C-alpha atoms as a PDB file:
ATOM      1  CA  MET A   1     169.238  77.712  46.794  1.00  0.00           C
ATOM      2  CA  LYS A   2     166.595  76.508  49.242  1.00  0.00           C
ATOM      3  CA  ILE A   3     167.913  79.008  51.774  1.00  0.00           C
ATOM      4  CA  LEU A   4     167.739  81.821  49.202  1.00  0.00           C
ATOM      5  CA  LEU A   5     164.180  80.901  48.239  1.00  0.00           C
ATOM      6  CA  PHE A   6     163.209  80.834  51.907  1.00  0.00           C
ATOM      7  CA  LEU A   7     164.748  84.299  52.414  1.00  0.00           C
ATOM      8  CA  LEU A   8     162.994  85.653  49.309  1.00  0.00           C
ATOM      9  CA  THR A   9     159.665  84.329  50.553  1.00  0.00           C
ATOM     10  CA  LEU A  10     160.282  85.637  54.061  1.00  0.00           C
ATOM     11  CA  VAL A  11     161.332  89.113  52.887  1.00  0.00           C
ATOM     12  CA  SER A  12     158.379  89.305  50.458  1.00  0.00           C
ATOM     13  CA  PHE A  13     155.965  88.316  53.227  1.00  0.00           C
ATOM     14  CA  GLN A  14     157.478  90.822  55.629  1.00  0.00           C
ATOM     15  CA  ALA A  15     157.348  93.591  53.000  1.00  0.00           C
ATOM     16  CA  PHE A  16     153.685  92.809  52.328  1.00  0.00           C
ATOM     17  CA  ALA A  17     152.874  92.693  56.020  1.00  0.00           C
ATOM     18  CA  GLN A  18     154.652  96.009  56.610  1.00  0.00           C
ATOM     19  CA  MET A  19     153.149  97.830  53.618  1.00  0.00           C
ATOM     20  CA  PRO A  20     151.313 100.927  54.875  1.00  0.00           C
ATOM     21  CA  LYS A  21     147.541 100.937  54.619  1.00  0.00           C
ATOM     22  CA  GLU A  22     147.660 104.463  53.202  1.00  0.00           C
ATOM     23  CA  ILE A  23     150.146 105.301  50.452  1.00  0.00           C
ATOM     24  CA  ALA A  24     150.641 108.290  48.182  1.00  0.00           C
ATOM     25  CA  SER A  25     152.373 107.656  44.847  1.00  0.00           C
ATOM     26  CA  GLU A  26     154.178 110.317  42.835  1.00  0.00           C
ATOM     27  CA  LEU A  27     154.904 109.906  39.131  1.00  0.00           C
ATOM     28  CA  VAL A  28     158.123 111.838  38.544  1.00  0.00           C
ATOM     29  CA  ILE A  29     159.904 112.882  35.347  1.00  0.00           C
ATOM     30  CA  LEU A  30     163.610 113.485  35.949  1.00  0.00           C
ATOM     31  CA  ASN A  31     166.012 115.245  33.588  1.00  0.00           C
ATOM     32  CA  VAL A  32     169.119 113.069  33.985  1.00  0.00           C
ATOM     33  CA  LYS A  33     171.505 115.863  32.963  1.00  0.00           C
ATOM     34  CA  THR A  34     170.197 118.733  35.089  1.00  0.00           C
ATOM     35  CA  GLY A  35     168.624 116.730  37.922  1.00  0.00           C
ATOM     36  CA  LYS A  36     165.437 118.766  37.602  1.00  0.00           C
ATOM     37  CA  GLU A  37     162.318 116.861  38.689  1.00  0.00           C
ATOM     38  CA  LYS A  38     158.717 117.355  37.668  1.00  0.00           C
ATOM     39  CA  VAL A  39     155.963 115.561  39.579  1.00  0.00           C
ATOM     40  CA  ILE A  40     153.188 115.087  37.026  1.00  0.00           C
ATOM     41  CA  LEU A  41     150.837 112.968  39.149  1.00  0.00           C
ATOM     42  CA  LYS A  42     150.390 112.512  42.890  1.00  0.00           C
ATOM     43  CA  GLU A  43     147.525 110.417  44.199  1.00  0.00           C
ATOM     44  CA  ASN A  44     146.620 108.622  47.413  1.00  0.00           C
ATOM     45  CA  ARG A  45     146.818 105.173  45.870  1.00  0.00           C
ATOM     46  CA  HIS A  46     149.492 102.682  44.893  1.00  0.00           C
ATOM     47  CA  PHE A  47     150.714 102.676  41.285  1.00  0.00           C
ATOM     48  CA  GLU A  48     153.978 101.413  39.812  1.00  0.00           C
ATOM     49  CA  ALA A  49     156.554 101.016  37.059  1.00  0.00           C
ATOM     50  CA  PRO A  50     156.224 103.739  34.403  1.00  0.00           C
ATOM     51  CA  ASN A  51     157.138 103.073  30.760  1.00  0.00           C
ATOM     52  CA  TRP A  52     157.410 105.810  28.159  1.00  0.00           C
ATOM     53  CA  SER A  53     155.471 105.567  24.892  1.00  0.00           C
ATOM     54  CA  ARG A  54     157.705 105.552  21.828  1.00  0.00           C
ATOM     55  CA  ASP A  55     156.224 108.826  20.577  1.00  0.00           C
ATOM     56  CA  GLY A  56     157.004 110.409  23.948  1.00  0.00           C
ATOM     57  CA  LYS A  57     153.427 111.555  24.541  1.00  0.00           C
ATOM     58  CA  PHE A  58     152.366 109.397  27.487  1.00  0.00           C
ATOM     59  CA  LEU A  59     153.467 106.966  30.189  1.00  0.00           C
ATOM     60  CA  ILE A  60     152.096 103.536  31.080  1.00  0.00           C
ATOM     61  CA  ILE A  61     151.726 102.549  34.743  1.00  0.00           C
ATOM     62  CA  ASN A  62     150.138  99.571  36.474  1.00  0.00           C
ATOM     63  CA  ALA A  63     147.670  99.883  39.346  1.00  0.00           C
ATOM     64  CA  ALA A  64     145.245  97.367  40.852  1.00  0.00           C
ATOM     65  CA  GLY A  65     146.089  94.819  38.161  1.00  0.00           C
ATOM     66  CA  LEU A  66     145.406  97.142  35.196  1.00  0.00           C
ATOM     67  CA  LEU A  67     147.515  99.238  32.831  1.00  0.00           C
ATOM     68  CA  GLU A  68     146.788 102.965  32.601  1.00  0.00           C
ATOM     69  CA  LYS A  69     147.961 105.690  30.219  1.00  0.00           C
ATOM     70  CA  ILE A  70     149.037 109.007  31.770  1.00  0.00           C
ATOM     71  CA  ASN A  71     149.935 112.000  29.604  1.00  0.00           C
ATOM     72  CA  LEU A  72     152.887 114.231  30.442  1.00  0.00           C
ATOM     73  CA  LYS A  73     150.627 116.693  32.253  1.00  0.00           C
ATOM     74  CA  GLY A  74     149.371 113.938  34.559  1.00  0.00           C
ATOM     75  CA  LYS A  75     145.984 113.436  32.929  1.00  0.00           C
ATOM     76  CA  ASN A  76     144.688 109.876  33.015  1.00  0.00           C
ATOM     77  CA  LEU A  77     143.927 108.841  29.431  1.00  0.00           C
ATOM     78  CA  GLY A  78     142.217 105.616  30.456  1.00  0.00           C
ATOM     79  CA  LYS A  79     142.970 101.942  30.917  1.00  0.00           C
ATOM     80  CA  ILE A  80     144.483  99.727  28.232  1.00  0.00           C
ATOM     81  CA  ASN A  81     142.008  96.984  27.266  1.00  0.00           C
ATOM     82  CA  PRO A  82     140.875  96.252  30.862  1.00  0.00           C
ATOM     83  CA  ASP A  83     138.734  93.303  29.712  1.00  0.00           C
ATOM     84  CA  GLY A  84     141.675  91.514  28.106  1.00  0.00           C
ATOM     85  CA  ILE A  85     144.628  92.870  30.082  1.00  0.00           C
ATOM     86  CA  ASN A  86     144.062  92.515  33.819  1.00  0.00           C
ATOM     87  CA  THR A  87     145.776  91.044  36.899  1.00  0.00           C
ATOM     88  CA  VAL A  88     149.038  92.435  35.500  1.00  0.00           C
ATOM     89  CA  ASN A  89     152.078  93.010  37.691  1.00  0.00           C
ATOM     90  CA  ASN A  90     154.771  95.663  37.345  1.00  0.00           C
ATOM     91  CA  ASP A  91     156.710  94.027  34.495  1.00  0.00           C
ATOM     92  CA  HIS A  92     155.393  95.599  31.294  1.00  0.00           C
ATOM     93  CA  GLY A  93     156.570  97.793  28.435  1.00  0.00           C
ATOM     94  CA  LEU A  94     156.648  98.589  24.728  1.00  0.00           C
ATOM     95  CA  SER A  95     158.969  97.347  21.987  1.00  0.00           C
ATOM     96  CA  PHE A  96     161.614  99.706  20.608  1.00  0.00           C
ATOM     97  CA  ASP A  97     159.425 100.508  17.590  1.00  0.00           C
ATOM     98  CA  GLY A  98     156.332 100.966  19.768  1.00  0.00           C
ATOM     99  CA  LYS A  99     154.308  98.309  17.945  1.00  0.00           C
ATOM    100  CA  ILE A 100     154.213  95.592  20.642  1.00  0.00           C
ATOM    101  CA  LEU A 101     153.022  95.777  24.241  1.00  0.00           C
ATOM    102  CA  VAL A 102     154.527  93.123  26.535  1.00  0.00           C
ATOM    103  CA  PHE A 103     153.262  92.430  30.037  1.00  0.00           C
ATOM    104  CA  SER A 104     153.423  89.877  32.823  1.00  0.00           C
ATOM    105  CA  LYS A 105     150.123  88.727  34.230  1.00  0.00           C
ATOM    106  CA  ASN A 106     149.265  86.789  37.368  1.00  0.00           C
ATOM    107  CA  ASP A 107     147.267  83.810  36.092  1.00  0.00           C
ATOM    108  CA  LYS A 108     145.279  82.290  38.925  1.00  0.00           C
ATOM    109  CA  ALA A 109     143.745  79.855  36.463  1.00  0.00           C
ATOM    110  CA  ALA A 110     147.207  78.478  35.680  1.00  0.00           C
ATOM    111  CA  ALA A 111     148.173  77.810  39.278  1.00  0.00           C
ATOM    112  CA  PRO A 112     147.825  79.217  42.782  1.00  0.00           C
ATOM    113  CA  GLY A 113     150.587  81.363  44.233  1.00  0.00           C
ATOM    114  CA  ASN A 114     153.507  82.516  42.095  1.00  0.00           C
ATOM    115  CA  ASN A 115     151.810  82.212  38.699  1.00  0.00           C
ATOM    116  CA  SER A 116     153.048  85.106  36.551  1.00  0.00           C
ATOM    117  CA  ARG A 117     153.276  84.474  32.812  1.00  0.00           C
ATOM    118  CA  VAL A 118     154.298  86.683  29.866  1.00  0.00           C
ATOM    119  CA  TYR A 119     151.906  87.986  27.201  1.00  0.00           C
ATOM    120  CA  VAL A 120     152.165  90.220  24.151  1.00  0.00           C
ATOM    121  CA  SER A 121     149.549  92.312  22.379  1.00  0.00           C
ATOM    122  CA  ASN A 122     149.335  95.077  19.830  1.00  0.00           C
ATOM    123  CA  ALA A 123     150.465  98.436  21.209  1.00  0.00           C
ATOM    124  CA  GLU A 124     146.920  99.555  21.997  1.00  0.00           C
ATOM    125  CA  GLY A 125     146.262  96.320  23.895  1.00  0.00           C
ATOM    126  CA  SER A 126     144.276  94.388  21.300  1.00  0.00           C
ATOM    127  CA  ASN A 127     144.793  90.675  20.616  1.00  0.00           C
ATOM    128  CA  PRO A 128     146.662  89.677  23.785  1.00  0.00           C
ATOM    129  CA  ARG A 129     148.241  86.243  23.597  1.00  0.00           C
ATOM    130  CA  LEU A 130     150.278  84.042  25.916  1.00  0.00           C
ATOM    131  CA  VAL A 131     153.968  83.576  25.086  1.00  0.00           C
ATOM    132  CA  THR A 132     155.288  81.660  28.125  1.00  0.00           C
ATOM    133  CA  PRO A 133     153.086  78.710  29.128  1.00  0.00           C
ATOM    134  CA  ASN A 134     155.450  77.954  32.034  1.00  0.00           C
ATOM    135  CA  PHE A 135     155.349  79.925  35.256  1.00  0.00           C
ATOM    136  CA  PRO A 136     156.503  81.861  37.165  1.00  0.00           C
ATOM    137  CA  SER A 137     157.830  84.103  34.364  1.00  0.00           C
ATOM    138  CA  TYR A 138     158.443  87.848  34.704  1.00  0.00           C
ATOM    139  CA  TRP A 139     159.179  89.872  31.563  1.00  0.00           C
ATOM    140  CA  HIS A 140     161.937  92.482  31.335  1.00  0.00           C
ATOM    141  CA  GLY A 141     163.241  92.927  27.780  1.00  0.00           C
ATOM    142  CA  ILE A 142     162.577  92.688  24.064  1.00  0.00           C
ATOM    143  CA  SER A 143     165.223  92.648  21.340  1.00  0.00           C
ATOM    144  CA  PRO A 144     165.378  95.677  19.012  1.00  0.00           C
ATOM    145  CA  ASP A 145     164.265  93.528  16.069  1.00  0.00           C
ATOM    146  CA  ASN A 146     161.261  92.242  18.098  1.00  0.00           C
ATOM    147  CA  LYS A 147     162.341  88.623  17.639  1.00  0.00           C
ATOM    148  CA  PHE A 148     163.021  87.686  21.272  1.00  0.00           C
ATOM    149  CA  LEU A 149     161.776  88.381  24.788  1.00  0.00           C
ATOM    150  CA  THR A 150     163.948  88.092  27.898  1.00  0.00           C
ATOM    151  CA  TYR A 151     162.426  87.272  31.264  1.00  0.00           C
ATOM    152  CA  THR A 152     163.185  85.962  34.728  1.00  0.00           C
ATOM    153  CA  ALA A 153     161.781  82.542  35.508  1.00  0.00           C
ATOM    154  CA  GLN A 154     161.976  79.924  38.200  1.00  0.00           C
ATOM    155  CA  ARG A 155     162.511  76.431  36.847  1.00  0.00           C
ATOM    156  CA  ASN A 156     163.483  73.440  39.009  1.00  0.00           C
ATOM    157  CA  GLY A 157     164.009  75.669  42.015  1.00  0.00           C
ATOM    158  CA  GLU A 158     166.440  78.087  40.291  1.00  0.00           C
ATOM    159  CA  TRP A 159     165.794  81.696  39.203  1.00  0.00           C
ATOM    160  CA  ASP A 160     167.511  82.404  35.873  1.00  0.00           C
ATOM    161  CA  ILE A 161     167.129  84.573  32.804  1.00  0.00           C
ATOM    162  CA  TYR A 162     165.428  83.001  29.810  1.00  0.00           C
ATOM    163  CA  ARG A 163     164.867  83.951  26.198  1.00  0.00           C
ATOM    164  CA  ILE A 164     161.933  82.974  23.996  1.00  0.00           C
ATOM    165  CA  PRO A 165     160.783  83.960  20.484  1.00  0.00           C
ATOM    166  CA  THR A 166     158.200  86.754  20.651  1.00  0.00           C
ATOM    167  CA  ALA A 167     156.028  84.637  18.375  1.00  0.00           C
ATOM    168  CA  GLY A 168     156.188  81.813  20.926  1.00  0.00           C
ATOM    169  CA  GLY A 169     158.181  78.617  20.989  1.00  0.00           C
ATOM    170  CA  THR A 170     160.800  76.911  23.128  1.00  0.00           C
ATOM    171  CA  GLU A 171     162.352  78.902  25.956  1.00  0.00           C
ATOM    172  CA  GLU A 172     166.141  79.009  26.286  1.00  0.00           C
ATOM    173  CA  LYS A 173     167.984  79.495  29.583  1.00  0.00           C
ATOM    174  CA  ILE A 174     170.739  82.092  29.119  1.00  0.00           C
ATOM    175  CA  THR A 175     172.132  82.312  32.676  1.00  0.00           C
ATOM    176  CA  ASP A 176     173.057  79.439  34.952  1.00  0.00           C
ATOM    177  CA  ALA A 177     174.818  80.995  37.954  1.00  0.00           C
ATOM    178  CA  LYS A 178     173.648  80.065  41.434  1.00  0.00           C
ATOM    179  CA  GLY A 179     171.464  82.795  42.902  1.00  0.00           C
ATOM    180  CA  LEU A 180     168.811  85.057  41.408  1.00  0.00           C
ATOM    181  CA  ASP A 181     169.420  86.533  37.930  1.00  0.00           C
ATOM    182  CA  ASP A 182     166.881  89.232  37.030  1.00  0.00           C
ATOM    183  CA  GLY A 183     166.011  92.377  35.091  1.00  0.00           C
ATOM    184  CA  ALA A 184     167.426  91.423  31.661  1.00  0.00           C
ATOM    185  CA  GLU A 185     167.117  94.275  29.135  1.00  0.00           C
ATOM    186  CA  TYR A 186     168.537  94.649  25.632  1.00  0.00           C
ATOM    187  CA  SER A 187     170.540  97.734  24.718  1.00  0.00           C
ATOM    188  CA  TYR A 188     169.080  99.845  21.917  1.00  0.00           C
ATOM    189  CA  ASP A 189     171.771  98.653  19.507  1.00  0.00           C
ATOM    190  CA  GLY A 190     171.113  95.025  20.440  1.00  0.00           C
ATOM    191  CA  LYS A 191     174.756  94.373  21.364  1.00  0.00           C
ATOM    192  CA  TRP A 192     174.238  93.723  25.079  1.00  0.00           C
ATOM    193  CA  ILE A 193     171.780  92.351  27.585  1.00  0.00           C
ATOM    194  CA  TYR A 194     172.016  94.163  30.932  1.00  0.00           C
ATOM    195  CA  PHE A 195     170.866  92.410  34.114  1.00  0.00           C
ATOM    196  CA  ASN A 196     171.301  92.151  37.875  1.00  0.00           C
ATOM    197  CA  SER A 197     172.461  89.053  39.704  1.00  0.00           C
ATOM    198  CA  HIS A 198     172.928  87.764  43.255  1.00  0.00           C
ATOM    199  CA  ARG A 199     175.567  85.239  42.138  1.00  0.00           C
ATOM    200  CA  THR A 200     178.259  86.672  44.468  1.00  0.00           C
ATOM    201  CA  GLY A 201     175.919  86.828  47.475  1.00  0.00           C
ATOM    202  CA  LYS A 202     175.225  90.532  46.843  1.00  0.00           C
ATOM    203  CA  MET A 203     173.064  92.106  44.167  1.00  0.00           C
ATOM    204  CA  HIS A 204     175.174  93.709  41.445  1.00  0.00           C
ATOM    205  CA  LEU A 205     174.810  94.742  37.812  1.00  0.00           C
ATOM    206  CA  TYR A 206     176.180  92.825  34.833  1.00  0.00           C
ATOM    207  CA  ARG A 207     175.977  92.665  31.080  1.00  0.00           C
ATOM    208  CA  MET A 208     176.417  89.866  28.575  1.00  0.00           C
ATOM    209  CA  LEU A 209     176.294  89.344  24.837  1.00  0.00           C
ATOM    210  CA  PRO A 210     172.899  88.196  23.493  1.00  0.00           C
ATOM    211  CA  ASP A 211     174.290  84.654  23.124  1.00  0.00           C
ATOM    212  CA  SER A 212     174.966  84.719  26.921  1.00  0.00           C
ATOM    213  CA  LYS A 213     178.766  84.915  26.485  1.00  0.00           C
ATOM    214  CA  GLY A 214     181.109  87.722  27.514  1.00  0.00           C
ATOM    215  CA  VAL A 215     179.621  88.366  30.971  1.00  0.00           C
ATOM    216  CA  GLU A 216     180.985  91.547  32.624  1.00  0.00           C
ATOM    217  CA  GLN A 217     180.349  92.695  36.190  1.00  0.00           C
ATOM    218  CA  LEU A 218     179.569  96.427  36.243  1.00  0.00           C
ATOM    219  CA  THR A 219     179.137  97.273  39.937  1.00  0.00           C
ATOM    220  CA  ASP A 220     181.080  96.203  42.990  1.00  0.00           C
ATOM    221  CA  ASP A 221     180.132  98.458  45.889  1.00  0.00           C
ATOM    222  CA  GLU A 222     178.268  98.279  49.175  1.00  0.00           C
ATOM    223  CA  LEU A 223     174.874  99.143  47.705  1.00  0.00           C
ATOM    224  CA  ASP A 224     172.192  96.675  46.603  1.00  0.00           C
ATOM    225  CA  ASN A 225     171.864  97.349  42.857  1.00  0.00           C
ATOM    226  CA  TRP A 226     168.860  96.439  40.704  1.00  0.00           C
ATOM    227  CA  PHE A 227     167.308  96.848  37.261  1.00  0.00           C
ATOM    228  CA  PRO A 228     169.834  98.443  34.875  1.00  0.00           C
ATOM    229  CA  HIS A 229     168.042 100.380  32.116  1.00  0.00           C
ATOM    230  CA  PRO A 230     170.232 101.221  29.086  1.00  0.00           C
ATOM    231  CA  SER A 231     169.871 104.665  27.529  1.00  0.00           C
ATOM    232  CA  PRO A 232     168.779 105.271  23.926  1.00  0.00           C
ATOM    233  CA  ASP A 233     172.317 106.360  22.968  1.00  0.00           C
ATOM    234  CA  ASN A 234     173.804 103.178  24.517  1.00  0.00           C
ATOM    235  CA  LYS A 235     176.223 105.286  26.586  1.00  0.00           C
ATOM    236  CA  SER A 236     174.774 104.899  30.079  1.00  0.00           C
ATOM    237  CA  ILE A 237     172.484 102.922  32.350  1.00  0.00           C
ATOM    238  CA  VAL A 238     170.133 104.121  35.072  1.00  0.00           C
ATOM    239  CA  TYR A 239     169.349 101.813  37.977  1.00  0.00           C
ATOM    240  CA  ILE A 240     167.914 101.695  41.490  1.00  0.00           C
ATOM    241  CA  ALA A 241     170.147 101.135  44.508  1.00  0.00           C
ATOM    242  CA  TYR A 242     168.969 100.091  47.961  1.00  0.00           C
ATOM    243  CA  LEU A 243     171.088 101.524  50.752  1.00  0.00           C
ATOM    244  CA  GLU A 244     171.004  98.232  52.648  1.00  0.00           C
ATOM    245  CA  ASP A 245     171.476  94.627  51.575  1.00  0.00           C
ATOM    246  CA  GLN A 246     168.039  93.155  50.800  1.00  0.00           C
ATOM    247  CA  LYS A 247     169.248  89.522  50.759  1.00  0.00           C
ATOM    248  CA  GLY A 248     168.265  88.922  47.140  1.00  0.00           C
ATOM    249  CA  ALA A 249     164.835  90.587  47.314  1.00  0.00           C
ATOM    250  CA  HIS A 250     163.610  93.991  46.125  1.00  0.00           C
ATOM    251  CA  PRO A 251     160.893  94.958  48.617  1.00  0.00           C
ATOM    252  CA  PHE A 252     158.670  98.018  48.729  1.00  0.00           C
ATOM    253  CA  GLY A 253     159.134 100.815  51.262  1.00  0.00           C
ATOM    254  CA  LYS A 254     162.912 101.077  51.643  1.00  0.00           C
ATOM    255  CA  ASP A 255     165.523 103.816  51.400  1.00  0.00           C
ATOM    256  CA  VAL A 256     166.676 103.886  47.776  1.00  0.00           C
ATOM    257  CA  LYS A 257     168.224 106.220  45.237  1.00  0.00           C
ATOM    258  CA  LEU A 258     168.595 106.269  41.469  1.00  0.00           C
ATOM    259  CA  ARG A 259     172.079 106.180  39.998  1.00  0.00           C
ATOM    260  CA  MET A 260     173.558 106.488  36.510  1.00  0.00           C
ATOM    261  CA  MET A 261     176.676 104.786  35.148  1.00  0.00           C
ATOM    262  CA  ASN A 262     178.681 106.095  32.193  1.00  0.00           C
ATOM    263  CA  LEU A 263     179.390 102.913  30.249  1.00  0.00           C
ATOM    264  CA  VAL A 264     182.573 104.338  28.698  1.00  0.00           C
ATOM    265  CA  THR A 265     184.301 105.581  31.855  1.00  0.00           C
ATOM    266  CA  ARG A 266     182.290 103.407  34.316  1.00  0.00           C
ATOM    267  CA  GLU A 267     181.822 106.541  36.441  1.00  0.00           C
ATOM    268  CA  ILE A 268     178.719 106.334  38.661  1.00  0.00           C
ATOM    269  CA  LYS A 269     176.787 109.277  40.057  1.00  0.00           C
ATOM    270  CA  ASP A 270     173.619 109.734  42.077  1.00  0.00           C
ATOM    271  CA  ILE A 271     170.788 111.324  40.084  1.00  0.00           C
ATOM    272  CA  THR A 272     168.311 111.510  42.977  1.00  0.00           C
ATOM    273  CA  PRO A 273     168.593 111.981  46.717  1.00  0.00           C
ATOM    274  CA  VAL A 274     167.573 109.070  48.934  1.00  0.00           C
ATOM    275  CA  PHE A 275     163.797 108.514  48.934  1.00  0.00           C
ATOM    276  CA  TYR A 276     161.092 106.056  50.023  1.00  0.00           C
ATOM    277  CA  GLY A 277     160.663 103.501  47.251  1.00  0.00           C
ATOM    278  CA  GLY A 278     161.802 100.114  46.005  1.00  0.00           C
ATOM    279  CA  GLN A 279     159.465  97.611  44.405  1.00  0.00           C
ATOM    280  CA  GLY A 280     157.448  99.547  41.824  1.00  0.00           C
ATOM    281  CA  THR A 281     159.799 102.532  41.546  1.00  0.00           C
ATOM    282  CA  ILE A 282     161.594 101.681  38.313  1.00  0.00           C
ATOM    283  CA  ASN A 283     161.213  97.966  37.607  1.00  0.00           C
ATOM    284  CA  VAL A 284     161.027  98.367  33.844  1.00  0.00           C
ATOM    285  CA  HIS A 285     162.519 100.490  31.073  1.00  0.00           C
ATOM    286  CA  SER A 286     161.489 104.122  31.560  1.00  0.00           C
ATOM    287  CA  TRP A 287     163.763 106.322  29.422  1.00  0.00           C
ATOM    288  CA  SER A 288     162.150 109.015  27.293  1.00  0.00           C
ATOM    289  CA  PRO A 289     162.674 108.397  23.559  1.00  0.00           C
ATOM    290  CA  ASN A 290     165.009 111.408  23.297  1.00  0.00           C
ATOM    291  CA  GLY A 291     167.202 110.080  26.101  1.00  0.00           C
ATOM    292  CA  LYS A 292     166.915 113.242  28.193  1.00  0.00           C
ATOM    293  CA  SER A 293     164.634 111.999  30.972  1.00  0.00           C
ATOM    294  CA  ILE A 294     163.512 108.998  32.937  1.00  0.00           C
ATOM    295  CA  ALA A 295     160.229 108.413  34.762  1.00  0.00           C
ATOM    296  CA  PHE A 296     159.961 106.795  38.180  1.00  0.00           C
ATOM    297  CA  VAL A 297     157.600 106.459  41.144  1.00  0.00           C
ATOM    298  CA  ARG A 298     158.274 107.795  44.636  1.00  0.00           C
ATOM    299  CA  TYR A 299     156.078 106.947  47.609  1.00  0.00           C
ATOM    300  CA  THR A 300     154.909 108.490  50.859  1.00  0.00           C
ATOM    301  CA  ASP A 301     153.693 106.519  53.878  1.00  0.00           C
ATOM    302  CA  LEU A 302     150.551 108.416  54.883  1.00  0.00           C
ATOM    303  CA  SER A 303     149.988 106.298  57.984  1.00  0.00           C
ATOM    304  CA  LYS A 304     152.882 107.985  59.807  1.00  0.00           C
END
């Protein structure tokens, strides 16, 4: 595990050091059936991780530590409670009923370095409150009944998936394999938690029952697979695949593509060509409520 942590730190440092000084970000809506793309926003700045509002009228992105609302025509509708919700990272999203906003925030006051903790607020950003006192904790999922949050956390040198009541309380570790477990998201029917894991020495996709039993491996190919996002009809997942092994990390600025798996037949198909992306492209749930589209971010290195 010490070797893995060293590699994660090294890759993260290298990715930061190699990040271009000038970046253009494109917010893209993709029809998963037809493959038709619509770029609704392109700006010479770095933004990340779109979520769809539950009424389907706007997207939430993070940029410079703040959350912003962008309508489907690309108009910026403003920041979400910037006084109370700041220093956020790219792990954020809304509950299935749209009533709760969940976000991970880098808390320098808690500790230096890797200090992310998980918060919840009302959907419009009012009344933010801390749920996970321990750090580092990175949010990824909420149960359909709003009772539990799932998140990735490092405890005692190991990265595992944890669950905690949304109201706060005692956290429960629900994976214990060696290697990074990440990206845990509930299906819309609440029957499964989908996640990615480096337990075999390569990053692949898995699912398990909410009680952590019944673990199934879903991918077993030569790609580096991350962040499975279950569809509203529970029939498929969309995820990001790096073309090369990233040694347990998910850096920015790599060749990636988005893929979709049919959960009945287990057939996998590409839904985008290869593009410049990675960290920030599709970290969190980004299906439209009607299940027809996903939103993601594609980047351009303007320094070249």
